[in-house]
Amino acid sequence: MEQVRFTGSHAIIAVMGVLIALLSWSLVYFARDELSLVGEGFEEEIETADTAGFEDGRAVVRVTPQSQDASGIVTRPLESTESQSAVEIYGSVVHVQPLLELRGRYLAAMGEVRARRAAVTAAKSEYRRMDVLFRDDRNVSEQTMRNAQARYRAEQGQLEVAEATVVAITDALRSAWGETIAGWVTDAKSRELQSLLERRTHLVQLAFPFGLPREMGRSAIRIAPVTGRTGIRDARFVSDSPQTDLALPGQTYFYLVDGEDLRAGARVVARVGTGDGARTGVLVPNEAVIWHAGKSWVYLKKNKDTFARHEVSTAQDVGHGWFNASRFQPGDQVVVSGAQLLLSEEFKYQIRNENED
């Protein structure tokens, strides 16, 4: 057997291997604490504080006093106030297209009447002339005179048909729209009808619940769109309405409302005083109200860093705010600046929860 010989280079390689092994072991031994901490850090979940949530089934937003100052969130105590007792009356902006169609038919019928009257006048004149000539030594034949007479009678018959058409259209107007509005249509110089055509005013029908005095429907009232009650405006009584609203049973009345931003068919609401005395409540400032999902809301300050969202009634405008007889107490701190920011924070919380689900 051949004997293996160890040389100096073999010894050097062996020493280097031992040194590498010692260095590797030392590195692992002395770095064990750091590796353990890194592993534990990856296993733990980083916790972050939510700025919004729910308490007692109500949405709340939490903002520290320092962040409130930085964000410009300002509150104001609600003040006690009184308001005359009133009821809410609902209705809608009337589609006037059927009214315009009846007006078109009326104008056409009146044009036909004028044409038939002119034809009758001409036929009558011709008949009289032929009759005189016939009686004066028969300067025209009897047949010619009879033809003129027949034409005159035919034109009279056509005039009667045209006049009957005008009467029928006028009756339809009165039946569907009442005497007052029918008068607008039949008046060529009606300013009210011209204003409706130019959309400077709108016709509104309100349905008063049965049992309310009829005089309430004839009083001056104010209305606003149901979906956004900031556009409050005066409504002028026009007349009783022969039309009914299947969705809103009651006594119906027509009103004229100024403004170009109403749409036909839009639902509106009015507040009408009942004369039953004053009610006590609070005044919610205009600047405190925000709109979301077709409803009006305010944020109340529950404690130094928590705000809760509450629905607020905007049915009764008192000029510089909204009267509310329930849900709030005098002295409640309502957010008058920064409410939209709080709503945004609430939305962020909801979106984050939906993504986690």
Protein backbone atom coordinates (compact mmCIF):
# COMPACT_ATOMS: atom_id res chain seq x y z
CA MET A 1 0.00 0.00 0.00
CA GLU A 2 1.22 3.45 -0.91
CA GLN A 3 1.81 5.65 2.14
CA VAL A 4 0.14 9.15 2.18
CA ARG A 5 2.64 11.88 2.78
CA PHE A 6 1.68 15.15 4.54
CA THR A 7 3.42 18.21 3.34
CA GLY A 8 3.56 21.77 4.69
CA SER A 9 0.79 23.02 2.41
CA HIS A 10 -1.52 20.35 3.78
CA ALA A 11 -0.88 21.62 7.28
CA ILE A 12 -1.63 25.20 6.30
CA ILE A 13 -4.97 24.21 4.72
CA ALA A 14 -5.97 22.28 7.82
CA VAL A 15 -5.18 25.21 10.12
CA MET A 16 -7.21 27.57 7.93
CA GLY A 17 -10.21 25.21 8.01
CA VAL A 18 -10.09 25.12 11.81
CA LEU A 19 -9.94 28.94 11.97
CA ILE A 20 -12.94 29.32 9.61
CA ALA A 21 -14.98 26.90 11.73
CA LEU A 22 -14.08 28.82 14.93
CA LEU A 23 -15.01 32.17 13.37
CA SER A 24 -18.38 30.86 12.12
CA TRP A 25 -19.25 29.45 15.52
CA SER A 26 -18.28 32.73 17.22
CA LEU A 27 -20.45 34.75 14.83
CA VAL A 28 -23.50 32.59 15.48
CA TYR A 29 -22.95 32.54 19.24
CA PHE A 30 -22.48 36.29 19.76
CA ALA A 31 -25.30 37.32 17.35
CA ARG A 32 -27.95 34.99 18.82
CA ASP A 33 -29.63 37.77 20.85
CA GLU A 34 -30.01 40.10 17.85
CA LEU A 35 -31.44 37.33 15.64
CA SER A 36 -33.92 36.40 18.36
CA LEU A 37 -35.17 40.01 18.64
CA VAL A 38 -35.64 40.33 14.88
CA GLY A 39 -37.67 37.11 14.76
CA GLU A 40 -39.87 38.22 17.62
CA GLY A 41 -40.46 41.59 15.89
CA PHE A 42 -41.75 39.90 12.74
CA GLU A 43 -44.09 37.71 14.72
CA GLU A 44 -45.73 40.63 16.61
CA GLU A 45 -48.49 42.74 14.94
CA ILE A 46 -47.98 46.48 14.94
CA GLU A 47 -50.86 48.12 16.81
CA THR A 48 -52.32 51.44 15.68
CA ALA A 49 -54.96 53.49 17.46
CA ASP A 50 -58.26 53.89 15.60
CA THR A 51 -59.60 57.47 15.27
CA ALA A 52 -63.20 56.30 14.69
CA GLY A 53 -65.51 53.55 15.81
CA PHE A 54 -68.90 52.84 17.33
CA GLU A 55 -70.19 53.42 20.84
CA ASP A 56 -73.70 52.39 21.86
CA GLY A 57 -74.50 51.76 18.19
CA ARG A 58 -73.53 55.30 17.16
CA ALA A 59 -70.61 56.38 14.99
CA VAL A 60 -67.92 58.28 16.91
CA VAL A 61 -64.62 59.91 15.99
CA ARG A 62 -61.76 60.41 18.48
CA VAL A 63 -59.44 63.37 18.08
CA THR A 64 -56.95 64.55 20.66
CA PRO A 65 -57.25 68.15 21.90
CA GLN A 66 -53.95 68.98 20.19
CA SER A 67 -55.21 67.62 16.85
CA GLN A 68 -58.49 69.49 17.29
CA ASP A 69 -56.61 72.77 17.56
CA ALA A 70 -54.39 71.91 14.59
CA SER A 71 -57.38 70.87 12.44
CA GLY A 72 -59.52 73.87 13.30
CA ILE A 73 -62.32 71.86 14.97
CA VAL A 74 -64.53 74.30 16.86
CA THR A 75 -67.63 73.63 18.95
CA ARG A 76 -70.42 75.84 20.24
CA PRO A 77 -73.11 75.15 22.86
CA LEU A 78 -76.67 74.77 21.57
CA GLU A 79 -79.01 77.53 22.67
CA SER A 80 -82.55 77.11 23.89
CA THR A 81 -85.29 78.64 21.72
CA GLU A 82 -89.02 78.53 21.07
CA SER A 83 -90.99 78.03 17.89
CA GLN A 84 -94.65 78.10 17.02
CA SER A 85 -96.24 74.67 16.72
CA ALA A 86 -96.36 73.51 13.09
CA VAL A 87 -96.97 70.46 10.92
CA GLU A 88 -95.03 69.16 7.95
CA ILE A 89 -96.90 69.14 4.64
CA TYR A 90 -95.55 67.18 1.67
CA GLY A 91 -96.07 67.62 -2.04
CA SER A 92 -94.27 67.78 -5.37
CA VAL A 93 -93.27 70.06 -8.21
CA VAL A 94 -95.97 69.68 -10.87
CA HIS A 95 -95.24 68.54 -14.41
CA VAL A 96 -96.68 71.36 -16.54
CA GLN A 97 -96.27 69.53 -19.86
CA PRO A 98 -99.97 68.45 -19.89
CA LEU A 99 -100.90 72.07 -19.23
CA LEU A 100 -98.78 73.23 -22.16
CA GLU A 101 -100.35 70.62 -24.41
CA LEU A 102 -103.82 71.86 -23.49
CA ARG A 103 -102.66 75.39 -24.18
CA GLY A 104 -101.45 74.32 -27.61
CA ARG A 105 -104.81 72.71 -28.35
CA TYR A 106 -106.63 75.79 -27.08
CA LEU A 107 -104.60 78.16 -29.26
CA ALA A 108 -105.15 75.95 -32.31
CA ALA A 109 -108.87 75.78 -31.62
CA MET A 110 -109.06 79.55 -31.19
CA GLY A 111 -107.24 79.98 -34.48
CA GLU A 112 -109.80 77.73 -36.13
CA VAL A 113 -112.64 79.77 -34.60
CA ARG A 114 -111.19 83.01 -35.95
CA ALA A 115 -110.79 81.46 -39.41
CA ARG A 116 -114.36 80.11 -39.35
CA ARG A 117 -115.74 83.44 -38.24
CA ALA A 118 -114.05 85.16 -41.16
CA ALA A 119 -115.41 82.49 -43.51
CA VAL A 120 -118.92 82.92 -42.08
CA THR A 121 -118.72 86.68 -42.54
CA ALA A 122 -117.63 86.27 -46.16
CA ALA A 123 -120.27 83.60 -46.88
CA LYS A 124 -122.99 85.69 -45.25
CA SER A 125 -122.05 88.73 -47.31
CA GLU A 126 -122.07 86.64 -50.50
CA TYR A 127 -125.41 85.09 -49.68
CA ARG A 128 -127.02 88.49 -49.03
CA ARG A 129 -125.65 89.85 -52.28
CA MET A 130 -126.97 86.87 -54.23
CA ASP A 131 -130.34 87.15 -52.49
CA VAL A 132 -130.65 90.83 -53.43
CA LEU A 133 -129.72 90.14 -57.03
CA PHE A 134 -132.15 87.24 -57.17
CA ARG A 135 -135.01 89.35 -55.84
CA ASP A 136 -134.10 92.23 -58.20
CA ASP A 137 -135.62 90.91 -61.40
CA ARG A 138 -133.70 87.65 -60.97
CA ASN A 139 -130.36 89.08 -62.00
CA VAL A 140 -128.90 85.77 -60.75
CA SER A 141 -130.45 82.37 -60.90
CA GLU A 142 -132.23 80.85 -57.94
CA GLN A 143 -129.66 78.04 -57.93
CA THR A 144 -126.83 80.51 -57.52
CA MET A 145 -128.63 82.14 -54.61
CA ARG A 146 -129.34 78.74 -53.04
CA ASN A 147 -125.68 77.72 -53.38
CA ALA A 148 -124.59 80.88 -51.60
CA GLN A 149 -127.12 80.20 -48.86
CA ALA A 150 -125.90 76.62 -48.43
CA ARG A 151 -122.29 77.75 -48.19
CA TYR A 152 -123.24 80.31 -45.56
CA ARG A 153 -125.00 77.67 -43.48
CA ALA A 154 -122.11 75.23 -43.88
CA GLU A 155 -119.66 77.85 -42.63
CA GLN A 156 -121.95 78.55 -39.68
CA GLY A 157 -121.92 74.85 -38.84
CA GLN A 158 -118.12 74.69 -39.01
CA LEU A 159 -117.92 77.74 -36.72
CA GLU A 160 -120.17 76.07 -34.17
CA VAL A 161 -117.93 72.96 -34.20
CA ALA A 162 -114.81 75.07 -33.70
CA GLU A 163 -116.44 77.01 -30.84
CA ALA A 164 -117.56 73.75 -29.23
CA THR A 165 -113.96 72.51 -29.39
CA VAL A 166 -112.79 75.64 -27.55
CA VAL A 167 -115.45 75.10 -24.89
CA ALA A 168 -114.41 71.45 -24.46
CA ILE A 169 -110.75 72.37 -24.05
CA THR A 170 -111.62 75.12 -21.57
CA ASP A 171 -113.75 72.70 -19.57
CA ALA A 172 -110.88 70.21 -19.55
CA LEU A 173 -108.56 72.94 -18.27
CA ARG A 174 -110.94 73.87 -15.46
CA SER A 175 -111.49 70.23 -14.55
CA ALA A 176 -107.80 69.37 -14.35
CA TRP A 177 -106.26 72.63 -13.20
CA GLY A 178 -108.98 74.79 -11.67
CA GLU A 179 -110.47 78.11 -12.68
CA THR A 180 -107.40 80.23 -11.86
CA ILE A 181 -104.85 78.28 -13.89
CA ALA A 182 -107.34 77.78 -16.71
CA GLY A 183 -107.56 81.58 -16.82
CA TRP A 184 -103.79 81.79 -17.25
CA VAL A 185 -103.94 79.47 -20.25
CA THR A 186 -106.78 81.30 -21.97
CA ASP A 187 -105.18 84.71 -21.37
CA ALA A 188 -102.74 85.44 -24.18
CA LYS A 189 -100.93 88.00 -21.98
CA SER A 190 -100.76 85.96 -18.77
CA ARG A 191 -97.57 86.83 -16.89
CA GLU A 192 -97.95 83.81 -14.60
CA LEU A 193 -98.03 81.37 -17.49
CA GLN A 194 -95.11 83.08 -19.21
CA SER A 195 -93.09 82.79 -16.02
CA LEU A 196 -93.84 79.05 -15.88
CA LEU A 197 -92.82 78.62 -19.52
CA GLU A 198 -89.51 80.39 -18.85
CA ARG A 199 -88.96 78.31 -15.66
CA ARG A 200 -88.62 81.42 -13.54
CA THR A 201 -91.36 80.00 -11.34
CA HIS A 202 -92.64 76.49 -10.66
CA LEU A 203 -96.07 75.13 -9.86
CA VAL A 204 -96.14 73.09 -6.65
CA GLN A 205 -98.96 70.94 -5.31
CA LEU A 206 -99.16 70.25 -1.57
CA ALA A 207 -101.41 67.66 0.07
CA PHE A 208 -102.77 68.79 3.46
CA PRO A 209 -103.86 65.93 5.71
CA PHE A 210 -107.59 65.56 6.13
CA GLY A 211 -108.85 67.30 9.24
CA LEU A 212 -106.73 70.42 8.96
CA PRO A 213 -108.66 73.68 8.47
CA ARG A 214 -108.92 74.71 4.82
CA GLU A 215 -107.68 78.18 5.77
CA MET A 216 -104.24 76.70 6.50
CA GLY A 217 -103.86 75.78 2.83
CA ARG A 218 -104.49 79.35 1.74
CA SER A 219 -101.89 80.91 4.03
CA ALA A 220 -98.39 82.02 3.01
CA ILE A 221 -95.96 79.15 3.54
CA ARG A 222 -92.35 78.23 2.83
CA ILE A 223 -91.17 75.05 1.12
CA ALA A 224 -87.91 73.19 0.54
CA PRO A 225 -86.82 70.05 -1.35
CA VAL A 226 -87.17 66.92 0.78
CA THR A 227 -83.66 65.69 -0.13
CA GLY A 228 -81.88 68.94 0.66
CA ARG A 229 -83.75 71.36 2.85
CA THR A 230 -81.33 74.25 2.46
CA GLY A 231 -83.19 75.69 -0.54
CA ILE A 232 -86.09 77.18 1.41
CA ARG A 233 -88.30 79.64 -0.46
CA ASP A 234 -91.69 81.32 -0.21
CA ALA A 235 -94.75 79.71 -1.82
CA ARG A 236 -97.70 81.82 -2.94
CA PHE A 237 -101.18 80.29 -2.82
CA VAL A 238 -102.80 79.91 -6.26
CA SER A 239 -105.97 77.86 -5.87
CA ASP A 240 -107.49 74.61 -4.74
CA SER A 241 -106.21 71.72 -6.86
CA PRO A 242 -108.65 69.35 -8.56
CA GLN A 243 -105.82 66.82 -8.85
CA THR A 244 -104.95 64.21 -6.25
CA ASP A 245 -101.63 62.67 -5.25
CA LEU A 246 -101.92 58.89 -4.90
CA ALA A 247 -98.88 58.82 -2.63
CA LEU A 248 -100.11 61.67 -0.42
CA PRO A 249 -103.82 61.56 0.41
CA GLY A 250 -105.38 64.81 1.56
CA GLN A 251 -106.71 68.18 0.44
CA THR A 252 -104.52 69.45 -2.41
CA TYR A 253 -103.60 73.04 -3.24
CA PHE A 254 -101.51 74.75 -5.92
CA TYR A 255 -98.72 77.21 -5.13
CA LEU A 256 -96.27 79.27 -7.16
CA VAL A 257 -92.61 79.13 -6.13
CA ASP A 258 -89.81 81.30 -7.46
CA GLY A 259 -86.49 79.82 -8.52
CA GLU A 260 -84.85 78.04 -11.45
CA ASP A 261 -83.31 75.07 -9.62
CA LEU A 262 -86.40 72.96 -8.99
CA ARG A 263 -87.15 69.90 -11.13
CA ALA A 264 -90.54 68.59 -12.15
CA GLY A 265 -91.59 65.66 -9.98
CA ALA A 266 -89.27 66.56 -7.10
CA ARG A 267 -90.74 66.01 -3.65
CA VAL A 268 -90.99 69.08 -1.40
CA VAL A 269 -91.93 69.72 2.21
CA ALA A 270 -93.52 72.73 3.87
CA ARG A 271 -93.95 73.82 7.47
CA VAL A 272 -97.35 75.28 8.30
CA GLY A 273 -98.17 76.79 11.69
CA THR A 274 -101.09 75.25 13.56
CA GLY A 275 -101.66 78.11 15.97
CA ASP A 276 -101.47 75.76 18.97
CA GLY A 277 -98.79 77.73 20.80
CA ALA A 278 -95.01 77.62 21.05
CA ARG A 279 -92.72 74.64 21.52
CA THR A 280 -89.38 74.63 23.35
CA GLY A 281 -86.26 73.24 21.71
CA VAL A 282 -82.78 74.21 20.57
CA LEU A 283 -81.37 76.21 17.68
CA VAL A 284 -78.93 74.17 15.55
CA PRO A 285 -76.66 76.61 13.63
CA ASN A 286 -76.54 76.37 9.84
CA GLU A 287 -72.77 75.88 9.86
CA ALA A 288 -73.07 72.78 12.07
CA VAL A 289 -75.17 70.78 9.58
CA ILE A 290 -73.57 68.41 7.06
CA TRP A 291 -75.32 66.23 4.48
CA HIS A 292 -74.76 62.53 3.89
CA ALA A 293 -76.90 59.82 2.24
CA GLY A 294 -79.78 62.26 1.73
CA LYS A 295 -79.95 63.13 5.44
CA SER A 296 -78.71 65.98 7.62
CA TRP A 297 -76.27 65.38 10.50
CA VAL A 298 -74.30 67.14 13.22
CA TYR A 299 -71.39 66.06 15.41
CA LEU A 300 -71.77 66.47 19.18
CA LYS A 301 -68.77 66.54 21.50
CA LYS A 302 -69.20 63.78 24.11
CA ASN A 303 -65.98 64.42 26.03
CA LYS A 304 -62.64 66.12 25.46
CA ASP A 305 -61.62 63.87 22.52
CA THR A 306 -64.77 62.02 21.31
CA PHE A 307 -67.38 63.26 18.82
CA ALA A 308 -70.65 61.44 17.95
CA ARG A 309 -72.72 61.87 14.77
CA HIS A 310 -76.45 62.57 15.23
CA GLU A 311 -79.22 63.06 12.70
CA VAL A 312 -80.77 66.52 12.86
CA SER A 313 -84.12 67.80 11.62
CA THR A 314 -83.98 70.53 8.98
CA ALA A 315 -87.74 70.76 8.60
CA GLN A 316 -88.13 74.10 10.36
CA ASP A 317 -85.86 76.94 9.28
CA VAL A 318 -85.66 79.87 11.69
CA GLY A 319 -83.49 82.09 9.52
CA HIS A 320 -80.01 81.41 10.93
CA GLY A 321 -80.44 77.80 11.94
CA TRP A 322 -82.83 74.89 12.42
CA PHE A 323 -85.31 74.37 15.22
CA ASN A 324 -85.18 70.96 16.88
CA ALA A 325 -87.61 70.04 19.64
CA SER A 326 -86.04 66.66 20.47
CA ARG A 327 -82.73 64.71 20.45
CA PHE A 328 -80.69 67.65 21.76
CA GLN A 329 -80.42 69.63 24.98
CA PRO A 330 -79.39 73.25 25.54
CA GLY A 331 -75.66 73.35 26.25
CA ASP A 332 -74.78 70.35 24.05
CA GLN A 333 -71.50 71.10 22.30
CA VAL A 334 -72.04 70.95 18.52
CA VAL A 335 -69.22 71.14 15.98
CA VAL A 336 -69.55 74.33 13.91
CA SER A 337 -66.17 74.06 12.14
CA GLY A 338 -64.48 70.84 11.05
CA ALA A 339 -67.54 68.58 10.91
CA GLN A 340 -66.72 67.54 7.34
CA LEU A 341 -63.23 66.49 8.51
CA LEU A 342 -64.78 64.28 11.20
CA LEU A 343 -67.06 62.69 8.61
CA SER A 344 -64.01 61.93 6.42
CA GLU A 345 -62.25 60.23 9.33
CA GLU A 346 -65.37 58.14 9.96
CA PHE A 347 -65.41 57.05 6.30
CA LYS A 348 -61.74 56.02 6.48
CA TYR A 349 -62.53 53.80 9.46
CA GLN A 350 -65.43 52.15 7.63
CA ILE A 351 -63.34 51.52 4.49
CA ARG A 352 -60.49 50.01 6.55
CA ASN A 353 -62.88 47.65 8.30
CA GLU A 354 -64.43 46.57 4.99
CA ASN A 355 -60.97 45.81 3.56
CA GLU A 356 -60.02 43.78 6.64
CA ASP A 357 -63.23 41.76 6.30
